Amino acid sequence: MMKITEIAFTCYPVTDLSRARRFYEEVLGLKESRFFGTGDTGFVEYDIGPGTLAIGNMAPDWKPSPGGGSVGLEVEDFEAAVARLRSSGCTFRLEPLETPVCHMAVVSDPDGNSITIHRRKPG
């Protein structure tokens, strides 16, 4: 039996790496940890806590999809994060909502991939 110990990384396909980097680095505020490739073709990794979020365009058959998976990014201040996303012109696929355990919203990156902004409630 295989034993999974953690999620090593989540990766999204993108079509325009420079445009995607502007979103992930300028809008979301992520800092590049590693880059593999050359120029506008490659994979960019962003370490977040013990995990890694990556974006890339090196696999020609790997296409962005709004109906695919979604990474959930935990934020310190949910309201400030939503305000930042709105002021940056992000498209909300799911408007901010409150559940019994969290606050969440889903936005699209420039390629239509879904990004969940999330804040757990105390306890």
Protein backbone atom coordinates (compact mmCIF):
# COMPACT_ATOMS: atom_id res chain seq x y z
CA MET A 1 0.00 0.00 0.00
CA MET A 2 1.20 3.49 -0.84
CA LYS A 3 1.36 5.96 2.06
CA ILE A 4 0.80 9.61 1.09
CA THR A 5 2.43 11.96 3.59
CA GLU A 6 1.54 15.42 2.23
CA ILE A 7 0.57 17.35 -0.88
CA ALA A 8 3.89 18.22 -2.49
CA PHE A 9 2.53 20.75 -4.98
CA THR A 10 -0.45 21.93 -6.95
CA CYS A 11 0.17 23.07 -10.52
CA TYR A 12 -1.92 25.03 -13.00
CA PRO A 13 -1.42 25.15 -16.77
CA VAL A 14 -1.20 28.66 -18.20
CA THR A 15 -1.03 29.94 -21.77
CA ASP A 16 0.96 33.15 -21.25
CA LEU A 17 3.57 32.75 -18.52
CA SER A 18 4.39 36.47 -18.23
CA ARG A 19 0.72 37.41 -17.87
CA ALA A 20 0.14 34.61 -15.36
CA ARG A 21 3.17 35.67 -13.33
CA ARG A 22 1.81 39.22 -13.08
CA PHE A 23 -1.41 37.81 -11.57
CA TYR A 24 0.23 35.36 -9.17
CA GLU A 25 3.02 37.71 -8.09
CA GLU A 26 1.44 41.19 -8.28
CA VAL A 27 -2.23 40.46 -7.49
CA LEU A 28 -1.84 37.48 -5.14
CA GLY A 29 1.53 38.65 -3.80
CA LEU A 30 3.35 35.32 -4.19
CA LYS A 31 7.15 35.23 -4.42
CA GLU A 32 8.95 33.00 -6.91
CA SER A 33 10.79 30.14 -5.22
CA ARG A 34 12.06 28.39 -8.35
CA PHE A 35 11.88 28.71 -12.13
CA PHE A 36 12.50 25.89 -14.58
CA GLY A 37 12.68 26.71 -18.27
CA THR A 38 13.76 29.57 -20.49
CA GLY A 39 12.15 32.96 -21.07
CA ASP A 40 8.39 32.69 -21.39
CA THR A 41 8.31 28.88 -21.42
CA GLY A 42 8.65 27.01 -18.15
CA PHE A 43 7.33 26.34 -14.68
CA VAL A 44 7.34 28.79 -11.78
CA GLU A 45 7.06 27.46 -8.23
CA TYR A 46 5.79 29.45 -5.26
CA ASP A 47 6.42 27.92 -1.83
CA ILE A 48 3.50 28.56 0.54
CA GLY A 49 3.96 27.09 3.99
CA PRO A 50 4.92 23.43 3.59
CA GLY A 51 3.40 23.18 0.09
CA THR A 52 4.10 24.59 -3.35
CA LEU A 53 1.85 26.16 -5.96
CA ALA A 54 3.27 26.02 -9.49
CA ILE A 55 2.22 27.45 -12.85
CA GLY A 56 3.58 26.40 -16.20
CA ASN A 57 3.25 26.17 -19.95
CA MET A 58 5.78 23.50 -20.94
CA ALA A 59 3.24 20.72 -21.60
CA PRO A 60 1.40 21.53 -24.86
CA ASP A 61 -1.52 19.16 -24.23
CA TRP A 62 -2.14 20.49 -20.70
CA LYS A 63 -4.83 23.18 -20.92
CA PRO A 64 -6.33 25.63 -18.40
CA SER A 65 -9.87 24.88 -17.28
CA PRO A 66 -12.36 26.80 -15.14
CA GLY A 67 -14.12 23.53 -14.35
CA GLY A 68 -11.02 21.73 -13.10
CA GLY A 69 -9.56 21.61 -9.62
CA SER A 70 -8.92 24.62 -7.42
CA VAL A 71 -6.15 25.40 -5.01
CA GLY A 72 -7.38 26.87 -1.71
CA LEU A 73 -5.16 29.72 -0.52
CA GLU A 74 -5.51 30.45 3.20
CA VAL A 75 -5.33 34.20 3.89
CA GLU A 76 -4.80 36.11 7.13
CA ASP A 77 -7.42 38.79 6.36
CA PHE A 78 -10.28 37.55 4.18
CA GLU A 79 -11.98 40.94 3.72
CA ALA A 80 -8.70 42.63 2.72
CA ALA A 81 -7.95 39.81 0.27
CA VAL A 82 -11.38 40.15 -1.35
CA ALA A 83 -10.94 43.94 -1.58
CA ARG A 84 -7.53 43.46 -3.23
CA LEU A 85 -8.95 41.01 -5.77
CA ARG A 86 -11.86 43.34 -6.58
CA SER A 87 -9.56 46.36 -7.02
CA SER A 88 -7.36 44.28 -9.35
CA GLY A 89 -10.37 43.53 -11.58
CA CYS A 90 -10.51 39.80 -10.87
CA THR A 91 -13.53 37.85 -12.07
CA PHE A 92 -15.36 36.18 -9.17
CA ARG A 93 -16.64 32.70 -10.04
CA LEU A 94 -18.09 32.41 -6.52
CA GLU A 95 -18.83 35.57 -4.59
CA PRO A 96 -17.57 35.67 -0.99
CA LEU A 97 -19.61 33.49 1.30
CA GLU A 98 -19.59 32.27 4.86
CA THR A 99 -19.96 28.64 5.89
CA PRO A 100 -20.13 27.31 9.45
CA VAL A 101 -16.35 26.75 9.38
CA CYS A 102 -14.90 29.32 6.97
CA HIS A 103 -15.15 32.26 4.61
CA MET A 104 -14.36 31.64 0.95
CA ALA A 105 -14.53 33.08 -2.55
CA VAL A 106 -13.38 31.79 -5.93
CA VAL A 107 -11.73 33.96 -8.59
CA SER A 108 -10.33 33.18 -12.02
CA ASP A 109 -6.69 33.61 -12.97
CA PRO A 110 -6.01 35.14 -16.43
CA ASP A 111 -6.45 31.70 -18.07
CA GLY A 112 -9.73 30.90 -16.30
CA ASN A 113 -8.27 28.52 -13.69
CA SER A 114 -10.14 28.71 -10.37
CA ILE A 115 -8.36 30.07 -7.29
CA THR A 116 -10.12 29.73 -3.93
CA ILE A 117 -9.41 32.39 -1.32
CA HIS A 118 -10.12 30.92 2.10
CA ARG A 119 -10.08 31.82 5.78
CA ARG A 120 -10.82 29.24 8.49
CA LYS A 121 -12.89 30.37 11.47
CA PRO A 122 -11.25 30.02 14.89
CA GLY A 123 -11.80 26.68 16.59
